[in-house]
């Protein structure tokens, strides 16, 4: 006589639900990313100091614990959210802290004066803010109600650096504000507000923008009355270039609007018209504005000896290129290169710093992480059930991709150099906070899209 096994007595063992599978997968990948970060930090300390320094290790572990807290919050508030984005963002953030710390060691900077310590503090703040965003924005469609409010907030944020008393100029660009000794770049948050405004506006006016117009040479051109939005954003972008002396931010805002406009209408004529407007504006700025002309000249004539020796010339660009060449295919190794001899190697040139010490292979891996982050965001837009979610997810994902292209393209001399920061990697608190908010919003959109899909299938 056979006896029934304990498993049969209890019935079938329950498999983990879909949401638990996603969150468990996220936790596993997150622990792997944190392990890589701590291992890289230990390698830097052994290479530069010859021993482990527990202070920085403890600080980084404390910051990383906040990412685990963020993961726990997702388990209860967004269980169906994408499982890949948080580990990828955490790994990029961690590698940035490690490289910034490595340059701090070379410059013999300690305490609060060290940018790596400030980056840890900003990372903690960014994680707290993104956690609050997840908790507050339970229904993403609520954001659509604040379409024009978001547009107004974006304009106000862009104007803040121009106000006397709080606006300050850094490296020739007036894009910063200073309050109580703390500096912040409001334009980083403005890009999120603009994405919400563009998504809401394009949903409301999609029909007139996509279906009305004249056929010219097989291409449907928009009516004159419909040109208002694109002209307004073009003027806004040109104003950023002219008054705030920030070529990269102007390009970022205009590129964001064009991509979302194309996603909403599917009309290539809008893209062609927008690119033409921006090129015309950039060419005019090249002839009228001296600093724009200098950026272009340093780009196409970087190895000119006079420009290389000139203050504000191409020295930074050339040093970054030499650093990338020094790294070769596999890099010099963490702590073994000379990234600190390039100006602002911890912020604008963090990609060149990592490229020197990790080589082409390491830099390619970092680019793959950005590609994964972007494609996951675009996928969220693809599976979303409503037009507002589709456009918002597409815009937020494209912001990360375009910002990477502008920065890395400038460092590698593909395009003229601008002053933007590499998302999650570069030293810069305002950029870090804004990009973690983007991750939080994409996770909320992902959870809503996946939950909707499961309901439809059921």
Protein backbone atom coordinates (compact mmCIF):
# COMPACT_ATOMS: atom_id res chain seq x y z
CA UNK A 1 0.00 0.00 0.00
CA UNK A 2 1.51 3.30 -1.08
CA UNK A 3 1.35 6.39 1.03
CA UNK A 4 0.51 9.79 -0.35
CA UNK A 5 3.43 12.21 -0.35
CA UNK A 6 3.20 15.31 1.87
CA UNK A 7 3.01 17.49 -1.18
CA UNK A 8 -0.09 15.63 -2.42
CA UNK A 9 -1.75 15.85 0.95
CA UNK A 10 -1.41 19.61 0.92
CA UNK A 11 -2.41 19.89 -2.71
CA UNK A 12 -0.40 21.56 -5.45
CA UNK A 13 2.31 23.95 -4.43
CA UNK A 14 1.43 27.49 -5.48
CA UNK A 15 3.71 29.16 -7.93
CA UNK A 16 4.71 32.74 -7.26
CA UNK A 17 2.32 35.21 -8.84
CA UNK A 18 3.45 37.33 -11.79
CA UNK A 19 4.02 40.39 -9.64
CA UNK A 20 6.21 38.43 -7.20
CA UNK A 21 8.24 37.00 -10.09
CA UNK A 22 8.89 40.52 -11.38
CA UNK A 23 9.88 41.92 -8.00
CA UNK A 24 12.04 38.87 -7.17
CA UNK A 25 13.79 39.27 -10.49
CA UNK A 26 14.32 42.94 -9.74
CA UNK A 27 15.77 42.15 -6.31
CA UNK A 28 18.20 39.62 -7.77
CA UNK A 29 19.41 42.02 -10.44
CA UNK A 30 19.58 44.83 -7.89
CA UNK A 31 21.80 42.83 -5.55
CA UNK A 32 24.02 41.97 -8.51
CA UNK A 33 24.31 45.67 -9.44
CA UNK A 34 25.14 46.64 -5.86
CA UNK A 35 27.78 43.90 -5.70
CA UNK A 36 29.45 45.27 -8.85
CA UNK A 37 29.42 48.78 -7.35
CA UNK A 38 31.02 47.69 -4.09
CA UNK A 39 33.59 45.54 -5.91
CA UNK A 40 34.53 48.48 -8.16
CA UNK A 41 34.87 50.73 -5.11
CA UNK A 42 37.14 48.20 -3.39
CA UNK A 43 39.29 47.92 -6.53
CA UNK A 44 39.73 51.70 -6.63
CA UNK A 45 40.76 51.79 -2.96
CA UNK A 46 43.28 48.98 -3.37
CA UNK A 47 44.69 50.58 -6.54
CA UNK A 48 45.04 54.12 -5.13
CA UNK A 49 45.31 53.66 -1.35
CA UNK A 50 46.62 50.12 -1.13
CA UNK A 51 43.95 49.22 1.43
CA UNK A 52 40.22 49.33 2.08
CA UNK A 53 38.84 52.57 3.48
CA UNK A 54 35.72 51.70 5.50
CA UNK A 55 34.30 55.24 5.61
CA UNK A 56 33.44 55.47 1.92
CA UNK A 57 32.36 51.83 1.77
CA UNK A 58 29.92 52.42 4.63
CA UNK A 59 28.59 55.59 2.99
CA UNK A 60 27.98 53.87 -0.33
CA UNK A 61 26.35 50.88 1.37
CA UNK A 62 24.05 53.25 3.23
CA UNK A 63 23.01 54.91 -0.02
CA UNK A 64 22.52 51.56 -1.70
CA UNK A 65 20.26 50.44 1.14
CA UNK A 66 17.88 53.25 0.12
CA UNK A 67 17.61 51.64 -3.31
CA UNK A 68 16.53 48.41 -1.59
CA UNK A 69 13.93 50.45 0.33
CA UNK A 70 12.73 51.85 -3.00
CA UNK A 71 12.41 48.27 -4.25
CA UNK A 72 10.33 47.31 -1.17
CA UNK A 73 8.01 50.27 -1.78
CA UNK A 74 7.53 49.07 -5.36
CA UNK A 75 6.45 45.65 -4.10
CA UNK A 76 3.42 47.20 -2.42
CA UNK A 77 2.61 50.22 -4.60
CA UNK A 78 3.63 49.15 -8.13
CA UNK A 79 3.96 45.34 -8.12
CA UNK A 80 3.56 45.03 -11.90
CA UNK A 81 6.22 47.65 -12.72
CA UNK A 82 9.18 46.89 -14.97
CA UNK A 83 11.83 44.81 -13.20
CA UNK A 84 14.89 45.95 -15.17
CA UNK A 85 14.97 49.73 -14.88
CA UNK A 86 15.83 50.14 -11.20
CA UNK A 87 18.84 47.74 -11.27
CA UNK A 88 20.20 49.40 -14.44
CA UNK A 89 19.80 52.91 -13.00
CA UNK A 90 21.36 51.77 -9.70
CA UNK A 91 24.38 50.31 -11.50
CA UNK A 92 24.95 53.46 -13.55
CA UNK A 93 24.56 55.59 -10.42
CA UNK A 94 26.99 53.38 -8.50
CA UNK A 95 29.64 53.38 -11.23
CA UNK A 96 29.40 57.16 -11.38
CA UNK A 97 30.01 57.47 -7.63
CA UNK A 98 32.99 55.10 -7.86
CA UNK A 99 34.67 57.07 -10.68
CA UNK A 100 34.01 60.41 -8.99
CA UNK A 101 35.54 59.00 -5.79
CA UNK A 102 38.56 57.79 -7.75
CA UNK A 103 39.18 61.34 -9.04
CA UNK A 104 38.65 62.78 -5.54
CA UNK A 105 41.41 60.49 -4.28
CA UNK A 106 43.75 61.71 -7.02
CA UNK A 107 42.95 65.33 -6.13
CA UNK A 108 43.32 64.54 -2.39
CA UNK A 109 39.88 65.96 -1.56
CA UNK A 110 38.06 64.68 1.52
CA UNK A 111 34.91 65.28 3.53
CA UNK A 112 32.11 67.46 2.24
CA UNK A 113 34.51 69.07 -0.25
CA UNK A 114 34.69 65.74 -2.08
CA UNK A 115 32.24 65.52 -4.98
CA UNK A 116 31.78 61.80 -4.32
CA UNK A 117 30.39 62.53 -0.86
CA UNK A 118 28.04 65.15 -2.31
CA UNK A 119 27.01 62.69 -5.02
CA UNK A 120 26.09 60.14 -2.34
CA UNK A 121 24.01 62.78 -0.56
CA UNK A 122 22.26 63.75 -3.79
CA UNK A 123 21.63 60.09 -4.59
CA UNK A 124 19.97 59.64 -1.19
CA UNK A 125 17.81 62.71 -1.79
CA UNK A 126 16.94 61.53 -5.31
CA UNK A 127 15.83 58.14 -4.01
CA UNK A 128 13.69 59.75 -1.31
CA UNK A 129 12.06 62.08 -3.85
CA UNK A 130 11.42 59.25 -6.32
CA UNK A 131 9.91 57.13 -3.53
CA UNK A 132 7.59 60.01 -2.63
CA UNK A 133 6.68 60.35 -6.32
CA UNK A 134 5.71 56.67 -6.48
CA UNK A 135 3.59 57.03 -3.36
CA UNK A 136 1.87 60.25 -4.47
CA UNK A 137 1.21 59.43 -8.12
CA UNK A 138 -0.99 56.38 -7.70
CA UNK A 139 -2.92 57.11 -10.91
CA UNK A 140 -0.78 58.47 -13.71
CA UNK A 141 -3.80 59.86 -15.56
CA UNK A 142 -4.02 62.51 -12.85
CA UNK A 143 -0.99 64.15 -14.48
CA UNK A 144 -3.03 64.82 -17.62
CA UNK A 145 -5.30 67.15 -15.64
CA UNK A 146 -2.30 69.38 -15.00
CA UNK A 147 -1.26 69.74 -18.65
CA UNK A 148 -1.16 73.54 -18.78
CA UNK A 149 -0.05 73.82 -15.16
CA UNK A 150 2.97 71.68 -16.07
CA UNK A 151 3.72 73.99 -18.99
CA UNK A 152 3.57 77.01 -16.71
CA UNK A 153 5.81 75.30 -14.14
CA UNK A 154 8.35 74.52 -16.86
CA UNK A 155 8.46 78.15 -18.02
CA UNK A 156 8.84 79.40 -14.44
CA UNK A 157 11.67 76.94 -13.79
CA UNK A 158 13.45 78.08 -16.95
CA UNK A 159 13.11 81.73 -15.93
CA UNK A 160 14.42 81.27 -12.37
CA UNK A 161 18.14 81.42 -13.31
CA UNK A 162 17.53 84.81 -14.96
CA UNK A 163 16.25 86.37 -11.72
CA UNK A 164 18.74 88.58 -9.87
CA UNK A 165 19.71 87.37 -6.44
CA UNK A 166 19.20 83.64 -6.96
CA UNK A 167 20.42 83.07 -10.52
CA UNK A 168 24.15 82.44 -10.90
CA UNK A 169 26.47 81.89 -13.86
CA UNK A 170 28.67 78.78 -13.96
CA UNK A 171 31.24 78.25 -16.74
CA UNK A 172 29.57 80.91 -18.88
CA UNK A 173 26.04 79.41 -18.68
CA UNK A 174 23.31 80.98 -16.56
CA UNK A 175 21.27 77.86 -15.79
CA UNK A 176 21.79 77.60 -12.03
CA UNK A 177 20.08 79.02 -8.97
CA UNK A 178 21.56 79.28 -5.48
CA UNK A 179 19.46 79.22 -2.31
CA UNK A 180 20.95 78.99 1.20
CA UNK A 181 24.32 78.02 -0.26
CA UNK A 182 22.90 75.13 -2.30
CA UNK A 183 22.98 75.24 -6.11
CA UNK A 184 20.37 73.62 -8.30
CA UNK A 185 19.67 73.50 -12.03
CA UNK A 186 15.88 73.96 -12.42
CA UNK A 187 16.05 73.15 -16.13
CA UNK A 188 16.57 69.48 -15.24
CA UNK A 189 13.16 69.34 -13.56
CA UNK A 190 11.68 71.51 -16.32
CA UNK A 191 12.26 68.74 -18.86
CA UNK A 192 9.89 66.48 -16.88
CA UNK A 193 7.25 69.20 -16.66
CA UNK A 194 7.63 69.84 -20.40
CA UNK A 195 7.19 66.13 -21.18
CA UNK A 196 3.91 66.10 -19.21
CA UNK A 197 2.76 69.29 -20.94
CA UNK A 198 3.66 68.04 -24.42
CA UNK A 199 1.90 64.70 -23.81
CA UNK A 200 -1.30 66.36 -22.59
CA UNK A 201 -1.30 69.01 -25.31
CA UNK A 202 -0.65 66.58 -28.16
CA UNK A 203 -3.42 64.25 -27.00
CA UNK A 204 -5.87 67.16 -27.14
CA UNK A 205 -4.77 68.44 -30.56
CA UNK A 206 -3.66 65.22 -32.23
CA UNK A 207 -6.37 65.18 -34.89
CA UNK A 208 -5.72 68.68 -36.24
CA UNK A 209 -1.96 68.18 -36.16
CA UNK A 210 -1.99 64.83 -37.95
CA UNK A 211 -4.84 64.94 -40.46
CA UNK A 212 -5.12 68.52 -41.70
CA UNK A 213 -2.79 70.18 -44.19
CA UNK A 214 -1.78 70.45 -47.84
CA UNK A 215 -0.02 67.85 -49.94
CA UNK A 216 3.26 69.21 -51.34
CA UNK A 217 5.58 66.82 -53.25
CA UNK A 218 3.93 63.84 -51.60
CA UNK A 219 4.33 65.28 -48.09
CA UNK A 220 1.45 66.68 -46.05
CA UNK A 221 2.48 70.06 -44.64
CA UNK A 222 0.70 71.51 -41.59
CA UNK A 223 -1.57 74.52 -41.72
CA UNK A 224 -0.26 77.88 -40.64
CA UNK A 225 -2.49 77.97 -37.56
CA UNK A 226 -1.08 74.60 -36.45
CA UNK A 227 2.50 75.87 -36.58
CA UNK A 228 2.02 77.77 -33.31
CA UNK A 229 3.22 75.00 -30.94
CA UNK A 230 6.38 74.18 -32.87
CA UNK A 231 7.26 77.86 -33.31
CA UNK A 232 6.66 78.49 -29.60
CA UNK A 233 8.96 75.63 -28.56
CA UNK A 234 11.54 76.78 -31.12
CA UNK A 235 11.47 80.27 -29.62
CA UNK A 236 11.80 78.76 -26.14
CA UNK A 237 14.81 76.69 -27.22
CA UNK A 238 16.47 79.64 -28.92
CA UNK A 239 15.86 81.75 -25.81
CA UNK A 240 17.69 79.19 -23.70
CA UNK A 241 20.63 79.34 -26.11
CA UNK A 242 20.69 83.14 -26.31
CA UNK A 243 19.94 84.23 -22.74
CA UNK A 244 21.18 81.27 -20.71
CA UNK A 245 24.05 80.41 -23.06
CA UNK A 246 23.18 76.71 -22.98
CA UNK A 247 23.24 75.05 -26.38
CA UNK A 248 22.68 71.50 -25.09
CA UNK A 249 19.54 72.26 -23.07
CA UNK A 250 17.96 74.10 -26.00
CA UNK A 251 18.63 71.11 -28.24
CA UNK A 252 17.24 68.73 -25.60
CA UNK A 253 13.93 70.60 -25.22
CA UNK A 254 13.37 70.97 -28.94
CA UNK A 255 14.33 67.36 -29.67
CA UNK A 256 11.93 66.16 -26.98
CA UNK A 257 9.04 68.06 -28.53
CA UNK A 258 9.80 66.85 -32.06
CA UNK A 259 9.93 63.20 -31.06
CA UNK A 260 6.69 63.41 -29.09
CA UNK A 261 5.06 65.30 -31.96
CA UNK A 262 6.11 62.58 -34.40
CA UNK A 263 4.92 59.85 -32.02
CA UNK A 264 1.52 61.58 -31.76
CA UNK A 265 0.97 62.32 -35.44
CA UNK A 266 3.22 59.97 -37.42
CA UNK A 267 3.97 62.83 -39.82
CA UNK A 268 7.55 63.10 -41.02
CA UNK A 269 6.84 66.62 -42.28
CA UNK A 270 6.75 67.88 -38.68
CA UNK A 271 10.20 66.40 -38.03
CA UNK A 272 11.64 67.86 -41.23
CA UNK A 273 10.18 71.27 -40.47
CA UNK A 274 11.44 71.17 -36.87
CA UNK A 275 14.96 70.08 -37.80
CA UNK A 276 15.07 72.82 -40.42
CA UNK A 277 14.03 75.43 -37.86
CA UNK A 278 16.62 74.31 -35.32
CA UNK A 279 19.43 74.13 -37.88
CA UNK A 280 18.54 77.62 -39.10
CA UNK A 281 18.54 78.90 -35.53
CA UNK A 282 21.87 77.21 -34.74
CA UNK A 283 23.50 78.63 -37.89
CA UNK A 284 22.23 82.11 -37.06
CA UNK A 285 23.50 81.76 -33.49
CA UNK A 286 26.88 80.68 -34.84
CA UNK A 287 27.24 83.98 -36.68
CA UNK A 288 25.66 86.24 -34.06
CA UNK A 289 26.69 84.75 -30.70
CA UNK A 290 30.39 84.53 -29.97
CA UNK A 291 30.26 81.64 -27.51
CA UNK A 292 28.28 79.48 -29.97
CA UNK A 293 30.84 80.23 -32.67
CA UNK A 294 33.61 79.22 -30.25
CA UNK A 295 31.89 75.91 -29.55
CA UNK A 296 31.68 75.13 -33.28
CA UNK A 297 35.27 76.26 -33.92
CA UNK A 298 36.61 74.15 -31.05
CA UNK A 299 34.72 71.21 -32.51
CA UNK A 300 35.87 71.26 -36.15
CA UNK A 301 39.35 72.65 -35.45
CA UNK A 302 40.07 70.99 -32.10
CA UNK A 303 43.72 70.11 -32.78
CA UNK A 304 44.69 73.61 -33.83
CA UNK A 305 47.57 74.56 -31.52
CA UNK A 306 46.27 78.09 -30.99
CA UNK A 307 42.85 76.82 -29.93
CA UNK A 308 44.41 74.11 -27.76
CA UNK A 309 46.43 76.69 -25.80
CA UNK A 310 43.62 79.26 -25.63
CA UNK A 311 41.74 79.63 -22.33
CA UNK A 312 38.28 78.18 -22.97
CA UNK A 313 39.54 76.62 -26.18
CA UNK A 314 39.74 72.97 -27.21
CA UNK A 315 42.12 71.83 -24.44
CA UNK A 316 39.38 69.99 -22.56
CA UNK A 317 38.08 68.26 -25.68
CA UNK A 318 41.52 67.11 -26.81
CA UNK A 319 42.50 65.89 -23.33
CA UNK A 320 39.33 63.81 -23.21
CA UNK A 321 40.12 62.27 -26.60
CA UNK A 322 43.66 61.46 -25.49
CA UNK A 323 42.23 59.85 -22.35
CA UNK A 324 39.93 57.63 -24.40
CA UNK A 325 42.85 56.68 -26.64
CA UNK A 326 44.96 55.90 -23.56
CA UNK A 327 42.31 53.49 -22.34
CA UNK A 328 42.33 51.47 -25.54
CA UNK A 329 40.13 48.39 -25.76
CA UNK A 330 40.23 47.07 -22.18
CA UNK A 331 41.24 50.23 -20.29
CA UNK A 332 43.99 51.01 -17.82
CA UNK A 333 42.00 49.59 -14.92
CA UNK A 334 40.09 51.39 -12.19
CA UNK A 335 42.46 53.66 -10.29
CA UNK A 336 45.25 53.22 -12.83
CA UNK A 337 44.51 55.92 -15.41
CA UNK A 338 44.93 59.68 -15.46
CA UNK A 339 41.36 60.94 -15.89
CA UNK A 340 41.88 63.76 -13.38
CA UNK A 341 44.08 65.78 -15.74
CA UNK A 342 41.04 66.51 -17.95
CA UNK A 343 39.07 69.57 -16.78
CA UNK A 344 35.71 68.79 -15.06
CA UNK A 345 36.44 65.07 -15.45
CA UNK A 346 33.85 64.24 -12.77
CA UNK A 347 30.89 65.93 -14.44
CA UNK A 348 30.97 66.91 -18.11
CA UNK A 349 33.74 64.40 -18.90
CA UNK A 350 32.79 61.45 -16.70
CA UNK A 351 32.34 59.35 -19.86
CA UNK A 352 35.93 60.05 -20.92
CA UNK A 353 37.12 59.21 -17.39
CA UNK A 354 35.34 55.87 -17.41
CA UNK A 355 36.40 55.23 -21.00
CA UNK A 356 40.04 55.64 -20.04
CA UNK A 357 39.92 53.27 -17.07
CA UNK A 358 37.40 50.73 -18.40
CA UNK A 359 38.36 50.98 -22.06
CA UNK A 360 36.21 50.62 -25.14
CA UNK A 361 34.75 47.36 -23.78
CA UNK A 362 33.63 49.00 -20.53
CA UNK A 363 32.28 52.05 -22.32
CA UNK A 364 30.34 49.81 -24.69
CA UNK A 365 28.83 48.00 -21.67
CA UNK A 366 27.75 51.36 -20.21
CA UNK A 367 26.17 52.34 -23.52
CA UNK A 368 24.33 49.01 -23.53
CA UNK A 369 22.93 49.85 -20.09
CA UNK A 370 21.60 53.14 -21.46
CA UNK A 371 20.17 51.30 -24.45
CA UNK A 372 18.37 48.87 -22.13
CA UNK A 373 17.01 51.75 -20.05
CA UNK A 374 15.74 53.54 -23.15
CA UNK A 375 14.21 50.51 -24.82
CA UNK A 376 12.40 49.51 -21.63
CA UNK A 377 10.92 53.00 -21.48
CA UNK A 378 9.85 52.86 -25.13
CA UNK A 379 8.33 49.42 -24.53
CA UNK A 380 6.24 50.88 -21.72
CA UNK A 381 4.91 53.43 -24.21
CA UNK A 382 4.19 50.65 -26.70
CA UNK A 383 2.09 48.54 -24.31
CA UNK A 384 0.30 51.48 -22.64
CA UNK A 385 -3.45 51.49 -23.13
CA UNK A 386 -4.07 55.24 -23.52
CA UNK A 387 -2.50 57.92 -25.70
CA UNK A 388 -1.34 60.11 -22.83
CA UNK A 389 0.63 57.23 -21.29
CA UNK A 390 2.13 56.30 -24.65
CA UNK A 391 3.35 59.83 -25.33
CA UNK A 392 4.60 60.47 -21.80
CA UNK A 393 6.56 57.22 -21.62
CA UNK A 394 8.04 57.82 -25.07
CA UNK A 395 9.05 61.36 -24.15
CA UNK A 396 10.63 60.41 -20.81
CA UNK A 397 12.57 57.53 -22.37
CA UNK A 398 13.74 59.71 -25.24
CA UNK A 399 14.98 62.40 -22.82
CA UNK A 400 17.49 59.91 -21.41
CA UNK A 401 18.56 58.74 -24.88
CA UNK A 402 18.92 62.22 -26.35
CA UNK A 403 20.81 63.52 -23.33
CA UNK A 404 23.26 60.61 -23.63
CA UNK A 405 23.74 61.31 -27.33
CA UNK A 406 24.35 65.03 -26.77
CA UNK A 407 26.89 64.43 -24.00
CA UNK A 408 28.71 61.40 -25.41
CA UNK A 409 28.59 62.85 -28.91
CA UNK A 410 30.28 66.00 -27.62
CA UNK A 411 32.96 64.10 -25.69
CA UNK A 412 33.80 61.90 -28.69
CA UNK A 413 33.70 64.90 -31.10
CA UNK A 414 30.71 63.66 -33.08
CA UNK A 415 28.88 66.94 -32.39
CA UNK A 416 29.93 70.23 -30.74
CA UNK A 417 30.49 70.00 -26.99
CA UNK A 418 27.66 71.15 -24.71
CA UNK A 419 27.25 71.49 -20.96
CA UNK A 420 24.77 68.70 -20.24
CA UNK A 421 25.46 65.92 -17.75
CA UNK A 422 25.44 62.19 -18.44
CA UNK A 423 22.34 60.70 -16.76
CA UNK A 424 23.08 58.95 -13.43
CA UNK A 425 26.86 58.94 -14.01
CA UNK A 426 28.02 62.55 -13.82
CA UNK A 427 28.43 64.62 -10.68
CA UNK A 428 25.37 66.85 -10.46
CA UNK A 429 22.56 66.74 -7.94
CA UNK A 430 19.78 68.34 -9.97
CA UNK A 431 20.34 65.94 -12.88
CA UNK A 432 20.39 62.96 -10.52
CA UNK A 433 17.13 63.95 -8.82
CA UNK A 434 15.39 64.60 -12.15
CA UNK A 435 16.48 61.30 -13.69
CA UNK A 436 15.36 59.24 -10.69
CA UNK A 437 11.98 61.00 -10.90
CA UNK A 438 11.84 59.92 -14.55
CA UNK A 439 12.48 56.33 -13.46
CA UNK A 440 9.69 56.59 -10.87
CA UNK A 441 7.19 57.91 -13.44
CA UNK A 442 8.13 55.22 -15.97
CA UNK A 443 7.64 52.56 -13.29
CA UNK A 444 4.21 53.96 -12.48
CA UNK A 445 3.28 53.93 -16.17
CA UNK A 446 4.64 50.38 -16.49
CA UNK A 447 2.61 49.13 -13.54
CA UNK A 448 -0.58 50.65 -14.96
CA UNK A 449 0.06 49.20 -18.43
CA UNK A 450 0.83 45.70 -17.16
CA UNK A 451 -2.13 45.70 -14.77
CA UNK A 452 -4.43 46.76 -17.60
CA UNK A 453 -3.05 44.01 -19.86
CA UNK A 454 -3.63 41.35 -17.20
CA UNK A 455 -7.22 42.54 -16.70
CA UNK A 456 -7.91 42.39 -20.44
CA UNK A 457 -6.41 38.90 -20.75
CA UNK A 458 -8.35 37.68 -17.70
